[in-house]
């Protein structure tokens, strides 16, 4: 190579290497100080793209874990509410069981007051945990956790939608239940005894109720007369006074769901209400009732059976129930009066569970039984002296009115028990769904945590710096840089040799 002053190639080479070694040292220091192998897309564009994908997935999953944990917390709050509602249902069943006993001698109205209050409390608590009908959580709860290949796989669903998954009293099917004493209302009555503003029979007015009944020891006519005294009676006092007089006969007075007077009991009875002697009567005028807690049939024509002289009427009919058939023959010897007819009927029907009592009008006959029965009239002959009526009025099968469960003292409570049993089952299904939802979210959290760990490891493998390797590179870069500087000094002094040629 020629000796030149103008161009010092060696110096240029040394300068270039100084720049390269400086860049190498600077890059190495950046990697060591940041901890990353890739600090810009220029370092590794393809690797950075993959690392960013992992970093994004990790960020999504990290928030997804928070979402799932929030979902677990919400469902645990709901579950606590479900457990409390379950305890309330236990209390409701206790109250209903107490009222369902025919031997219960307390006030079913008091039991029902607590019962209805607890139904209201169930509604309040259902609304508080947002699982009432149409509530915030009475829907398909979808929690986005992430980590899936598509949106569907990234979500966890807990379906609490629909009426079957709500826990208010309506959804549980117990909103309209009651454990108040059942009974039969007096016909045509609209007076509400639950009106606390009314004083009944005030001014010493009176009202009488006449019961025709048979407790198993024979037919009786019992009249109960209430007096309001100067201040009158409250609805509660009306019921208390009636029950004091009726207790011995197995008949119970109570205030029905409509607020009006009702009578119940296993005793066969009919009742007629006389008009009150003054204002604020217990019933609207006069009215009658037959114990509709029993299967019953009431004659409407017996008053004419033995009327007039001459030949008395005769009648034959068969009464049948699960216990057997009972053939009744009425004639002038055993049915010349209503009292004798009742005696004849009850003698034939003894041990059948079917009882004959006077109808509410006091002139006809009511046959009653706690179990079903049928009647078929086989023959009837009218009397020649004017007796044209019969016990049932027509030959052939007679229509027997079926018993009403709500007319018995314990009927409402028994119906409530059936509804409560269903409610317990339905609540258990909701609890199962909530518990399963908590487990699903916990499993989702476990997977998400695993994915976060593995995605972070994958990102680190691509992006993080190898500190040991980069430390060695830094030493190498520093040595090269120092060597380059030394070489540049030598290269810069080389042209001075030309001066030796010029001295001579």
Protein backbone atom coordinates (compact mmCIF):
# COMPACT_ATOMS: atom_id res chain seq x y z
CA UNK A 1 0.00 0.00 0.00
CA UNK A 2 1.37 3.44 -0.92
CA UNK A 3 2.41 5.88 1.76
CA UNK A 4 -0.04 8.80 1.84
CA UNK A 5 -0.64 11.92 3.88
CA UNK A 6 -4.03 12.78 2.37
CA UNK A 7 -5.89 9.60 3.26
CA UNK A 8 -5.16 7.62 6.42
CA UNK A 9 -7.04 4.39 5.68
CA UNK A 10 -5.90 2.72 8.88
CA UNK A 11 -7.32 5.61 10.90
CA UNK A 12 -10.64 5.35 9.04
CA UNK A 13 -10.81 1.60 9.76
CA UNK A 14 -10.05 2.24 13.42
CA UNK A 15 -12.72 4.96 13.62
CA UNK A 16 -15.30 2.67 12.06
CA UNK A 17 -14.53 -0.06 14.53
CA UNK A 18 -14.73 2.43 17.40
CA UNK A 19 -18.24 3.35 16.25
CA UNK A 20 -19.28 -0.32 15.94
CA UNK A 21 -17.78 -1.25 19.29
CA UNK A 22 -19.43 1.81 20.88
CA UNK A 23 -22.82 0.77 19.50
CA UNK A 24 -22.25 -2.77 20.71
CA UNK A 25 -21.33 -1.49 24.18
CA UNK A 26 -24.31 0.85 24.27
CA UNK A 27 -26.73 -1.94 23.23
CA UNK A 28 -25.29 -4.27 25.84
CA UNK A 29 -25.59 -1.64 28.58
CA UNK A 30 -29.24 -1.00 27.51
CA UNK A 31 -30.06 -4.71 27.76
CA UNK A 32 -28.41 -5.02 31.16
CA UNK A 33 -30.00 -1.89 32.54
CA UNK A 34 -33.53 -2.66 31.21
CA UNK A 35 -33.39 -6.41 31.74
CA UNK A 36 -34.84 -6.96 28.27
CA UNK A 37 -33.18 -8.54 25.27
CA UNK A 38 -35.65 -6.75 23.01
CA UNK A 39 -35.92 -3.02 23.73
CA UNK A 40 -37.17 -1.96 20.31
CA UNK A 41 -38.61 -3.61 17.25
CA UNK A 42 -35.16 -3.27 15.65
CA UNK A 43 -33.74 -5.70 18.20
CA UNK A 44 -36.06 -8.58 17.09
CA UNK A 45 -39.24 -7.56 15.25
CA UNK A 46 -40.70 -11.07 14.97
CA UNK A 47 -39.84 -11.93 18.59
CA UNK A 48 -41.34 -8.64 19.81
CA UNK A 49 -44.65 -9.38 18.03
CA UNK A 50 -44.90 -12.80 19.68
CA UNK A 51 -43.88 -11.41 23.09
CA UNK A 52 -46.48 -8.64 22.84
CA UNK A 53 -49.18 -11.25 22.11
CA UNK A 54 -48.23 -13.11 25.28
CA UNK A 55 -48.12 -9.86 27.24
CA UNK A 56 -51.61 -8.90 26.02
CA UNK A 57 -52.97 -12.32 26.91
CA UNK A 58 -51.46 -12.00 30.36
CA UNK A 59 -53.03 -8.57 30.88
CA UNK A 60 -56.44 -9.91 29.79
CA UNK A 61 -56.20 -12.94 32.06
CA UNK A 62 -55.04 -10.85 35.01
CA UNK A 63 -58.19 -8.75 34.79
CA UNK A 64 -60.19 -11.91 34.08
CA UNK A 65 -59.04 -13.37 37.39
CA UNK A 66 -60.28 -10.24 39.13
CA UNK A 67 -63.60 -10.55 37.28
CA UNK A 68 -63.98 -14.19 38.31
CA UNK A 69 -63.09 -13.46 41.93
CA UNK A 70 -65.68 -10.68 41.95
CA UNK A 71 -68.19 -13.17 40.54
CA UNK A 72 -67.34 -15.68 43.26
CA UNK A 73 -67.82 -12.99 45.90
CA UNK A 74 -71.22 -12.02 44.46
CA UNK A 75 -72.39 -15.64 44.32
CA UNK A 76 -71.18 -16.24 47.86
CA UNK A 77 -73.31 -13.30 49.01
CA UNK A 78 -76.26 -14.85 47.18
CA UNK A 79 -75.51 -18.22 48.74
CA UNK A 80 -75.57 -16.68 52.20
CA UNK A 81 -78.98 -15.23 51.40
CA UNK A 82 -80.18 -18.62 50.17
CA UNK A 83 -79.11 -20.24 53.42
CA UNK A 84 -81.04 -17.63 55.37
CA UNK A 85 -84.15 -18.13 53.24
CA UNK A 86 -83.78 -21.86 53.89
CA UNK A 87 -83.86 -21.17 57.63
CA UNK A 88 -86.99 -19.06 57.17
CA UNK A 89 -88.64 -21.91 55.26
CA UNK A 90 -87.87 -24.18 58.22
CA UNK A 91 -89.70 -21.76 60.50
CA UNK A 92 -92.63 -21.53 58.09
CA UNK A 93 -92.91 -25.32 58.07
CA UNK A 94 -92.83 -25.35 61.86
CA UNK A 95 -95.69 -22.86 62.02
CA UNK A 96 -97.67 -24.68 59.34
CA UNK A 97 -97.19 -28.02 61.09
CA UNK A 98 -98.43 -26.53 64.35
CA UNK A 99 -101.52 -25.10 62.64
CA UNK A 100 -102.15 -28.32 60.70
CA UNK A 101 -102.84 -30.28 63.86
CA UNK A 102 -106.57 -30.74 64.46
CA UNK A 103 -105.89 -30.76 68.21
CA UNK A 104 -104.30 -27.30 68.16
CA UNK A 105 -106.20 -25.20 70.68
CA UNK A 106 -104.41 -21.88 70.22
CA UNK A 107 -105.16 -18.98 67.91
CA UNK A 108 -104.27 -19.86 64.33
CA UNK A 109 -104.60 -16.17 63.48
CA UNK A 110 -101.57 -15.44 65.66
CA UNK A 111 -99.60 -18.17 63.90
CA UNK A 112 -100.64 -16.80 60.52
CA UNK A 113 -99.54 -13.28 61.47
CA UNK A 114 -95.99 -14.52 61.99
CA UNK A 115 -96.26 -16.71 58.90
CA UNK A 116 -97.26 -13.82 56.64
CA UNK A 117 -94.55 -11.64 58.15
CA UNK A 118 -91.94 -14.24 57.24
CA UNK A 119 -93.22 -14.40 53.67
CA UNK A 120 -92.62 -10.65 53.48
CA UNK A 121 -89.14 -11.13 54.94
CA UNK A 122 -88.32 -13.71 52.26
CA UNK A 123 -89.24 -11.14 49.61
CA UNK A 124 -87.07 -8.49 51.29
CA UNK A 125 -84.06 -10.75 51.54
CA UNK A 126 -84.49 -12.02 47.98
CA UNK A 127 -84.44 -8.40 46.78
CA UNK A 128 -81.36 -7.63 48.91
CA UNK A 129 -79.33 -10.44 47.34
CA UNK A 130 -80.77 -9.42 43.93
CA UNK A 131 -82.33 -12.83 43.24
CA UNK A 132 -85.96 -11.78 43.38
CA UNK A 133 -88.11 -12.21 40.28
CA UNK A 134 -86.59 -9.92 37.64
CA UNK A 135 -83.73 -8.97 39.98
CA UNK A 136 -80.21 -8.07 38.86
CA UNK A 137 -78.96 -11.63 39.34
CA UNK A 138 -82.14 -13.32 38.08
CA UNK A 139 -80.53 -13.63 34.68
CA UNK A 140 -77.76 -15.46 32.85
CA UNK A 141 -74.62 -14.19 34.62
CA UNK A 142 -71.67 -14.14 32.20
CA UNK A 143 -68.16 -13.49 33.54
CA UNK A 144 -65.38 -12.71 31.05
CA UNK A 145 -62.22 -14.48 32.21
CA UNK A 146 -60.22 -14.57 28.96
CA UNK A 147 -57.65 -17.05 27.75
CA UNK A 148 -59.90 -18.62 25.12
CA UNK A 149 -59.51 -18.90 21.38
CA UNK A 150 -62.84 -17.10 20.97
CA UNK A 151 -65.25 -15.03 23.08
CA UNK A 152 -67.40 -18.03 24.00
CA UNK A 153 -64.43 -19.96 25.38
CA UNK A 154 -63.26 -16.90 27.30
CA UNK A 155 -66.53 -16.60 29.25
CA UNK A 156 -68.02 -18.50 32.21
CA UNK A 157 -71.82 -18.59 32.38
CA UNK A 158 -73.95 -19.13 35.51
CA UNK A 159 -77.56 -19.26 34.39
CA UNK A 160 -79.89 -17.95 37.12
CA UNK A 161 -82.53 -16.67 34.73
CA UNK A 162 -86.24 -17.37 34.87
CA UNK A 163 -88.83 -17.63 37.62
CA UNK A 164 -87.53 -21.05 38.69
CA UNK A 165 -84.25 -19.48 39.80
CA UNK A 166 -85.71 -16.60 41.82
CA UNK A 167 -86.20 -17.03 45.57
CA UNK A 168 -88.96 -14.59 46.47
CA UNK A 169 -92.21 -16.04 47.80
CA UNK A 170 -93.93 -15.81 44.42
CA UNK A 171 -91.19 -17.74 42.63
CA UNK A 172 -91.11 -20.33 45.42
CA UNK A 173 -94.87 -20.79 45.09
CA UNK A 174 -95.80 -19.80 48.64
CA UNK A 175 -96.90 -16.18 48.22
CA UNK A 176 -100.60 -16.95 48.56
CA UNK A 177 -100.34 -19.63 51.25
CA UNK A 178 -101.86 -19.19 54.67
CA UNK A 179 -102.02 -21.16 57.89
CA UNK A 180 -105.02 -19.31 59.28
CA UNK A 181 -107.89 -21.45 60.43
CA UNK A 182 -110.12 -22.43 57.56
CA UNK A 183 -113.88 -22.29 57.63
CA UNK A 184 -117.19 -21.70 55.90
CA UNK A 185 -118.46 -18.17 55.43
CA UNK A 186 -122.04 -17.16 56.09
CA UNK A 187 -123.87 -16.58 52.81
CA UNK A 188 -124.22 -12.99 51.66
CA UNK A 189 -121.90 -11.61 54.33
CA UNK A 190 -119.51 -8.76 53.53
CA UNK A 191 -118.79 -7.37 57.01
CA UNK A 192 -115.05 -7.24 57.60
CA UNK A 193 -114.10 -8.14 61.14
CA UNK A 194 -110.50 -7.15 60.41
CA UNK A 195 -111.52 -3.47 60.30
CA UNK A 196 -110.03 -2.19 63.55
CA UNK A 197 -111.94 1.08 63.23
CA UNK A 198 -115.32 -0.61 63.71
CA UNK A 199 -116.93 -1.42 67.06
CA UNK A 200 -119.40 -4.22 66.43
CA UNK A 201 -122.84 -4.33 68.12
CA UNK A 202 -122.07 -1.10 69.99
CA UNK A 203 -124.84 0.28 72.20
CA UNK A 204 -125.67 -3.13 73.71
CA UNK A 205 -126.96 -4.45 70.39
CA UNK A 206 -127.09 -8.22 70.01
CA UNK A 207 -126.87 -10.84 67.28
CA UNK A 208 -127.61 -14.56 67.52
CA UNK A 209 -126.17 -17.55 65.64
CA UNK A 210 -128.06 -20.83 65.73
CA UNK A 211 -126.09 -24.04 65.12
CA UNK A 212 -127.66 -27.40 64.27
CA UNK A 213 -125.00 -29.97 64.99
CA UNK A 214 -124.13 -33.51 65.96
CA UNK A 215 -120.93 -34.17 67.88
CA UNK A 216 -121.57 -37.91 67.94
CA UNK A 217 -123.83 -37.82 70.98
CA UNK A 218 -127.02 -36.80 69.19
CA UNK A 219 -128.44 -33.79 67.42
CA UNK A 220 -128.35 -30.46 69.18
CA UNK A 221 -129.54 -26.93 68.55
CA UNK A 222 -127.13 -24.38 70.03
CA UNK A 223 -127.74 -20.66 69.93
CA UNK A 224 -124.88 -18.28 70.66
CA UNK A 225 -125.87 -14.67 71.26
CA UNK A 226 -123.28 -11.89 71.31
CA UNK A 227 -123.78 -8.49 72.91
CA UNK A 228 -121.58 -5.52 72.15
CA UNK A 229 -122.20 -3.71 75.41
CA UNK A 230 -121.98 0.04 75.47
CA UNK A 231 -118.59 0.22 73.70
CA UNK A 232 -119.05 -2.58 71.21
CA UNK A 233 -116.69 -5.44 70.32
CA UNK A 234 -113.58 -5.51 68.17
CA UNK A 235 -113.32 -8.20 65.50
CA UNK A 236 -110.87 -10.11 67.68
CA UNK A 237 -113.28 -9.98 70.61
CA UNK A 238 -116.11 -11.24 68.41
CA UNK A 239 -114.07 -14.31 67.48
CA UNK A 240 -112.95 -14.85 71.08
CA UNK A 241 -116.52 -14.70 72.44
CA UNK A 242 -117.83 -17.06 69.76
CA UNK A 243 -115.06 -19.56 70.42
CA UNK A 244 -115.70 -19.47 74.16
CA UNK A 245 -119.22 -20.71 73.44
CA UNK A 246 -118.38 -23.08 70.55
CA UNK A 247 -115.27 -24.73 71.92
CA UNK A 248 -117.22 -27.54 73.58
CA UNK A 249 -118.80 -28.52 70.25
CA UNK A 250 -115.63 -28.76 68.16
CA UNK A 251 -116.49 -25.69 66.10
CA UNK A 252 -114.08 -22.78 65.67
CA UNK A 253 -114.82 -19.24 64.56
CA UNK A 254 -112.13 -17.25 62.79
CA UNK A 255 -111.57 -14.34 60.43
CA UNK A 256 -111.17 -15.57 56.87
CA UNK A 257 -108.79 -14.34 54.19
CA UNK A 258 -111.52 -11.91 53.04
CA UNK A 259 -111.74 -10.47 56.55
CA UNK A 260 -115.22 -11.92 57.15
CA UNK A 261 -116.55 -14.37 59.75
CA UNK A 262 -116.11 -18.08 59.11
CA UNK A 263 -116.79 -21.28 61.02
CA UNK A 264 -114.82 -24.51 60.79
CA UNK A 265 -114.37 -27.85 62.48
CA UNK A 266 -114.78 -31.59 62.00
CA UNK A 267 -118.24 -31.52 63.60
CA UNK A 268 -121.24 -31.87 61.28
CA UNK A 269 -123.07 -28.56 61.56
CA UNK A 270 -125.19 -25.96 59.83
CA UNK A 271 -125.63 -22.40 61.05
CA UNK A 272 -127.98 -19.52 60.51
CA UNK A 273 -127.33 -15.91 61.51
CA UNK A 274 -130.15 -13.73 62.77
CA UNK A 275 -130.22 -10.05 61.98
CA UNK A 276 -128.47 -7.83 64.51
CA UNK A 277 -130.76 -5.90 66.84
CA UNK A 278 -129.06 -2.68 65.83
CA UNK A 279 -126.20 -1.25 63.77
CA UNK A 280 -122.72 -2.67 63.14
CA UNK A 281 -123.77 -6.30 63.02
CA UNK A 282 -121.26 -9.11 62.73
CA UNK A 283 -122.77 -10.26 59.43
CA UNK A 284 -124.71 -8.54 56.70
CA UNK A 285 -128.29 -9.21 57.76
CA UNK A 286 -129.20 -12.90 57.95
CA UNK A 287 -127.33 -15.74 56.30
CA UNK A 288 -126.71 -19.46 56.52
CA UNK A 289 -123.83 -21.87 56.12
CA UNK A 290 -123.25 -25.61 55.99
CA UNK A 291 -119.92 -27.07 57.06
CA UNK A 292 -118.29 -27.27 53.63
CA UNK A 293 -115.22 -28.90 55.13
CA UNK A 294 -117.36 -32.05 54.87
CA UNK A 295 -118.90 -33.80 51.89
CA UNK A 296 -122.54 -32.81 52.18
CA UNK A 297 -125.99 -32.87 50.66
CA UNK A 298 -128.89 -30.80 51.94
CA UNK A 299 -132.56 -31.63 51.40
CA UNK A 300 -134.78 -28.82 50.27
CA UNK A 301 -138.21 -30.48 50.51
CA UNK A 302 -138.44 -32.53 53.72
CA UNK A 303 -140.79 -30.02 55.36
CA UNK A 304 -143.59 -31.45 53.21
CA UNK A 305 -142.71 -35.13 53.73
CA UNK A 306 -145.16 -35.87 56.57
CA UNK A 307 -147.59 -33.03 55.97
CA UNK A 308 -151.35 -33.53 56.17
CA UNK A 309 -153.37 -36.57 57.18
CA UNK A 310 -154.12 -39.81 55.43
CA UNK A 311 -151.40 -42.11 54.24
CA UNK A 312 -147.89 -40.90 55.03
CA UNK A 313 -145.24 -40.73 52.34
CA UNK A 314 -142.55 -43.39 52.09
CA UNK A 315 -139.04 -43.17 50.72
CA UNK A 316 -136.17 -45.60 50.15
CA UNK A 317 -132.57 -44.69 49.33
CA UNK A 318 -129.07 -46.15 49.61
CA UNK A 319 -126.10 -44.32 51.13
CA UNK A 320 -122.70 -45.72 50.17
CA UNK A 321 -119.09 -44.93 51.06
CA UNK A 322 -115.84 -46.82 51.35
CA UNK A 323 -117.17 -48.58 54.46
CA UNK A 324 -120.18 -50.13 52.76
CA UNK A 325 -123.82 -49.59 51.73
CA UNK A 326 -126.58 -48.43 54.05
CA UNK A 327 -130.24 -48.86 53.07
CA UNK A 328 -132.63 -46.29 54.51
CA UNK A 329 -136.41 -46.72 54.55
CA UNK A 330 -138.45 -43.75 55.79
CA UNK A 331 -142.13 -44.15 56.62
CA UNK A 332 -144.87 -42.90 58.91
CA UNK A 333 -143.48 -44.87 61.82
CA UNK A 334 -139.93 -43.53 61.79
CA UNK A 335 -140.15 -40.24 59.87
CA UNK A 336 -143.32 -38.57 61.04
CA UNK A 337 -141.28 -35.64 62.44
CA UNK A 338 -137.95 -34.09 61.58
CA UNK A 339 -136.48 -35.17 64.93
CA UNK A 340 -137.59 -38.77 64.39
CA UNK A 341 -136.22 -38.72 60.85
CA UNK A 342 -132.81 -37.54 62.07
CA UNK A 343 -132.79 -40.29 64.71
CA UNK A 344 -133.67 -42.90 62.09
CA UNK A 345 -130.99 -41.71 59.70
CA UNK A 346 -128.25 -41.58 62.34
CA UNK A 347 -129.22 -45.02 63.62
CA UNK A 348 -128.93 -46.58 60.16
CA UNK A 349 -125.73 -44.66 59.40
CA UNK A 350 -124.07 -45.39 62.76
CA UNK A 351 -120.35 -46.19 62.38
CA UNK A 352 -120.44 -45.08 58.73
CA UNK A 353 -118.89 -41.68 59.44
CA UNK A 354 -121.94 -40.02 57.86
CA UNK A 355 -124.07 -37.80 60.11
CA UNK A 356 -127.53 -36.28 59.62
CA UNK A 357 -128.22 -32.84 61.10
CA UNK A 358 -130.87 -30.19 60.61
CA UNK A 359 -130.33 -27.92 57.66
CA UNK A 360 -129.67 -24.26 58.39
CA UNK A 361 -133.34 -23.44 57.83
CA UNK A 362 -134.25 -25.78 60.70
CA UNK A 363 -136.81 -27.72 58.64
CA UNK A 364 -134.75 -29.81 56.22
CA UNK A 365 -131.89 -32.31 56.49
CA UNK A 366 -128.14 -32.10 55.84
CA UNK A 367 -126.03 -35.26 55.53
CA UNK A 368 -122.32 -34.69 56.12
CA UNK A 369 -119.13 -36.75 56.24
CA UNK A 370 -115.41 -36.08 56.26
CA UNK A 371 -115.00 -38.72 53.52
CA UNK A 372 -116.82 -39.03 50.22
CA UNK A 373 -120.16 -40.79 49.91
CA UNK A 374 -122.95 -41.22 47.38
CA UNK A 375 -126.74 -41.40 47.61
CA UNK A 376 -129.18 -43.12 45.30
CA UNK A 377 -132.92 -42.77 45.89
CA UNK A 378 -134.64 -45.98 44.80
CA UNK A 379 -138.32 -45.28 45.57
CA UNK A 380 -140.66 -42.55 46.77
CA UNK A 381 -144.42 -42.56 47.40
CA UNK A 382 -146.19 -39.31 48.20
CA UNK A 383 -148.62 -39.30 51.11
CA UNK A 384 -152.37 -39.20 50.34
CA UNK A 385 -152.99 -36.55 52.95
CA UNK A 386 -150.88 -33.89 51.27
CA UNK A 387 -147.37 -35.08 52.04
CA UNK A 388 -145.80 -34.47 48.66
CA UNK A 389 -142.16 -33.80 49.53
CA UNK A 390 -139.20 -36.15 49.93
CA UNK A 391 -135.82 -35.95 51.56
CA UNK A 392 -134.08 -35.51 48.20
CA UNK A 393 -136.90 -34.59 45.83
CA UNK A 394 -136.24 -37.05 43.02
CA UNK A 395 -135.59 -40.72 42.39
CA UNK A 396 -132.08 -41.62 41.25
CA UNK A 397 -128.52 -40.58 42.03
CA UNK A 398 -128.17 -37.43 44.09
CA UNK A 399 -125.45 -34.79 43.79
CA UNK A 400 -123.18 -34.67 46.83
CA UNK A 401 -121.11 -31.51 47.27
CA UNK A 402 -117.39 -32.27 47.61
CA UNK A 403 -115.54 -31.05 50.65
CA UNK A 404 -113.42 -27.90 50.45
CA UNK A 405 -109.99 -28.31 52.04
CA UNK A 406 -109.83 -24.60 52.88
CA UNK A 407 -113.05 -24.93 54.91
CA UNK A 408 -111.47 -27.15 57.54
CA UNK A 409 -109.59 -25.67 60.49
CA UNK A 410 -106.32 -27.20 59.33
CA UNK A 411 -106.94 -27.21 55.56
CA UNK A 412 -105.00 -24.02 54.82
CA UNK A 413 -102.04 -25.24 56.87
CA UNK A 414 -102.03 -28.64 55.14
CA UNK A 415 -102.06 -26.95 51.74
CA UNK A 416 -99.28 -24.62 52.90
CA UNK A 417 -97.17 -27.61 53.96
CA UNK A 418 -97.42 -29.08 50.47
CA UNK A 419 -96.39 -25.76 48.93
CA UNK A 420 -93.53 -25.35 51.41
CA UNK A 421 -92.21 -28.81 50.57
CA UNK A 422 -92.08 -27.79 46.91
CA UNK A 423 -90.47 -24.47 47.88
CA UNK A 424 -87.71 -26.29 49.77
CA UNK A 425 -87.04 -28.43 46.71
CA UNK A 426 -86.99 -25.40 44.39
CA UNK A 427 -84.69 -23.48 46.74
CA UNK A 428 -82.35 -26.46 46.82
CA UNK A 429 -82.14 -26.41 43.02
CA UNK A 430 -81.19 -22.73 43.07
CA UNK A 431 -78.61 -23.37 45.78
CA UNK A 432 -77.16 -26.12 43.62
CA UNK A 433 -76.83 -23.78 40.65
CA UNK A 434 -75.21 -21.07 42.76
CA UNK A 435 -72.78 -23.54 44.32
CA UNK A 436 -71.94 -25.00 40.93
CA UNK A 437 -71.39 -21.47 39.63
CA UNK A 438 -68.91 -20.73 42.44
CA UNK A 439 -67.02 -23.92 41.62
CA UNK A 440 -66.98 -23.11 37.89
CA UNK A 441 -65.52 -19.68 38.54
CA UNK A 442 -62.92 -21.08 40.93
CA UNK A 443 -61.86 -23.61 38.31
CA UNK A 444 -61.70 -20.81 35.75
CA UNK A 445 -59.47 -18.80 38.10
CA UNK A 446 -57.15 -21.79 38.52
CA UNK A 447 -56.80 -22.17 34.75
CA UNK A 448 -56.31 -18.43 34.25
CA UNK A 449 -53.56 -18.34 36.90
CA UNK A 450 -51.84 -21.24 35.16
CA UNK A 451 -52.13 -19.48 31.81
CA UNK A 452 -50.77 -16.25 33.29
CA UNK A 453 -47.73 -18.12 34.61
CA UNK A 454 -47.05 -19.93 31.35
CA UNK A 455 -47.67 -16.91 29.14
CA UNK A 456 -45.36 -14.83 31.33
CA UNK A 457 -42.70 -17.53 31.08
CA UNK A 458 -43.08 -17.66 27.30
CA UNK A 459 -42.81 -13.87 27.05
CA UNK A 460 -39.74 -13.86 29.29
CA UNK A 461 -38.08 -16.51 27.17
CA UNK A 462 -38.40 -14.26 24.14
CA UNK A 463 -37.93 -10.79 25.57
CA UNK A 464 -35.88 -10.96 28.76
CA UNK A 465 -32.13 -10.46 28.58
CA UNK A 466 -29.62 -13.21 29.44
CA UNK A 467 -27.76 -11.24 32.10
CA UNK A 468 -24.73 -13.56 32.21
CA UNK A 469 -24.32 -13.43 28.46
CA UNK A 470 -24.80 -9.68 28.28
CA UNK A 471 -22.33 -9.12 31.15
CA UNK A 472 -19.72 -11.01 29.14
CA UNK A 473 -20.65 -8.97 26.07
CA UNK A 474 -20.20 -5.76 28.06
CA UNK A 475 -16.66 -6.78 29.06
CA UNK A 476 -15.97 -7.73 25.47
CA UNK A 477 -17.35 -4.43 24.19
CA UNK A 478 -15.27 -2.44 26.71
CA UNK A 479 -12.07 -4.28 25.74
CA UNK A 480 -12.76 -3.82 22.02
CA UNK A 481 -13.53 -0.17 22.56
CA UNK A 482 -10.26 0.39 24.42
CA UNK A 483 -8.34 -1.58 21.79
CA UNK A 484 -9.97 0.41 19.00
CA UNK A 485 -8.97 3.67 20.64
CA UNK A 486 -5.38 2.46 21.04
CA UNK A 487 -5.28 1.34 17.42
CA UNK A 488 -6.70 4.67 16.28
CA UNK A 489 -3.90 6.45 18.12
CA UNK A 490 -1.34 4.33 16.29
CA UNK A 491 -3.09 4.84 12.95
CA UNK A 492 -3.19 8.60 13.49
CA UNK A 493 0.59 8.72 14.18
CA UNK A 494 1.54 6.66 11.11
CA UNK A 495 1.63 9.59 8.61
CA UNK A 496 4.34 11.24 10.70
CA UNK A 497 6.78 8.77 9.13
CA UNK A 498 6.51 10.74 5.86
CA UNK A 499 8.34 13.64 7.54
CA UNK A 500 11.45 11.50 7.76
CA UNK A 501 11.54 11.41 3.94
CA UNK A 502 11.26 15.20 3.72
CA UNK A 503 14.20 16.01 6.09
CA UNK A 504 16.92 14.96 3.77
